[in-house]
Amino acid sequence: MSVDRGELHTLLDRVPDSDLPVIRKMLLAVAVEWDVAPAESEGVFTEEARREVEAAEAYFDKGGRGIPHEEILREFGLA
C-alpha cells in the first residue's frame, strides 16, 4: 500500500479539533519509539505524555481490549 504525506494530511484535516490532542500523543509516541522526534529534554514528549503511554500499555498488558482495526478504518472512511 503506497501512502503519501498528502493523504495523511488529508486524514488529519478530518480529525475533529477535540481529538487532536490524542492524535498528537499517538504520533509523538511513534516518533519517539522510532527515534525521529526530538528528545524529551526538548519538551516534545512530556512526563505527562509518558505516563499516559505507560498507563495505556499497562491497560493492554492486563487484558484490556482495544478498538478493532476494521472499525477504525470504517470510522475514517477507509473501509
Protein backbone atom coordinates (compact mmCIF):
# COMPACT_ATOMS: atom_id res chain seq x y z
CA MET A 1 0.00 0.00 0.00
CA SER A 2 1.50 3.29 -1.09
CA VAL A 3 0.83 6.29 1.14
CA ASP A 4 1.97 9.82 0.58
CA ARG A 5 2.14 12.69 3.06
CA GLY A 6 -0.69 14.49 1.30
CA GLU A 7 -3.04 11.61 2.07
CA LEU A 8 -2.01 11.67 5.71
CA HIS A 9 -2.53 15.43 5.88
CA THR A 10 -6.00 14.97 4.39
CA LEU A 11 -6.84 12.39 7.05
CA LEU A 12 -5.51 14.66 9.78
CA ASP A 13 -7.65 17.51 8.48
CA ARG A 14 -10.71 15.30 9.02
CA VAL A 15 -9.94 14.73 12.71
CA PRO A 16 -12.18 16.85 14.97
CA ASP A 17 -10.30 19.54 16.90
CA SER A 18 -11.33 17.89 20.15
CA ASP A 19 -9.42 14.72 19.15
CA LEU A 20 -6.21 16.44 18.05
CA PRO A 21 -4.50 16.13 21.46
CA VAL A 22 -4.94 12.34 21.30
CA ILE A 23 -3.61 12.17 17.74
CA ARG A 24 -0.63 14.31 18.75
CA LYS A 25 0.18 11.96 21.63
CA MET A 26 -0.08 8.95 19.33
CA LEU A 27 2.23 10.49 16.74
CA LEU A 28 4.72 11.56 19.40
CA ALA A 29 4.75 8.06 20.85
CA VAL A 30 5.52 6.60 17.43
CA ALA A 31 8.12 9.25 16.65
CA VAL A 32 9.90 8.74 19.95
CA GLU A 33 9.77 4.96 19.53
CA TRP A 34 11.34 5.31 16.08
CA ASP A 35 13.79 7.86 17.43
CA VAL A 36 12.75 10.51 14.90
CA ALA A 37 11.35 13.05 17.38
CA PRO A 38 13.42 15.47 19.42
CA ALA A 39 14.42 14.11 22.80
CA GLU A 40 12.20 14.51 25.84
CA SER A 41 14.60 17.13 27.12
CA GLU A 42 13.50 19.31 24.23
CA GLY A 43 9.96 19.26 25.60
CA VAL A 44 8.33 17.16 22.90
CA PHE A 45 7.46 14.09 24.92
CA THR A 46 6.35 15.39 28.30
CA GLU A 47 6.34 13.42 31.51
CA GLU A 48 2.54 13.51 31.43
CA ALA A 49 2.52 12.00 27.93
CA ARG A 50 5.00 9.34 29.03
CA ARG A 51 2.74 8.41 31.98
CA GLU A 52 -0.26 8.19 29.67
CA VAL A 53 1.59 5.87 27.30
CA GLU A 54 2.68 3.70 30.24
CA ALA A 55 -0.91 3.59 31.51
CA ALA A 56 -2.14 2.54 28.07
CA GLU A 57 0.49 -0.19 27.86
CA ALA A 58 -0.46 -1.43 31.35
CA TYR A 59 -4.13 -1.49 30.32
CA PHE A 60 -3.37 -3.82 27.42
CA ASP A 61 -0.92 -5.89 29.46
CA LYS A 62 -3.78 -6.59 31.89
CA GLY A 63 -6.00 -7.87 29.10
CA GLY A 64 -7.67 -4.61 28.14
CA ARG A 65 -9.30 -4.59 24.73
CA GLY A 66 -8.75 -2.04 22.02
CA ILE A 67 -10.80 -0.99 19.01
CA PRO A 68 -10.63 -3.41 16.07
CA HIS A 69 -8.59 -2.10 13.13
CA GLU A 70 -11.56 -2.54 10.78
CA GLU A 71 -13.69 -0.28 12.99
CA ILE A 72 -11.06 2.45 12.90
CA LEU A 73 -10.83 2.20 9.11
CA ARG A 74 -14.63 2.50 8.83
CA GLU A 75 -14.63 5.48 11.18
CA PHE A 76 -12.20 7.31 8.91
CA GLY A 77 -13.96 6.21 5.72
CA LEU A 78 -11.12 3.93 4.68
CA ALA A 79 -13.01 0.65 4.58
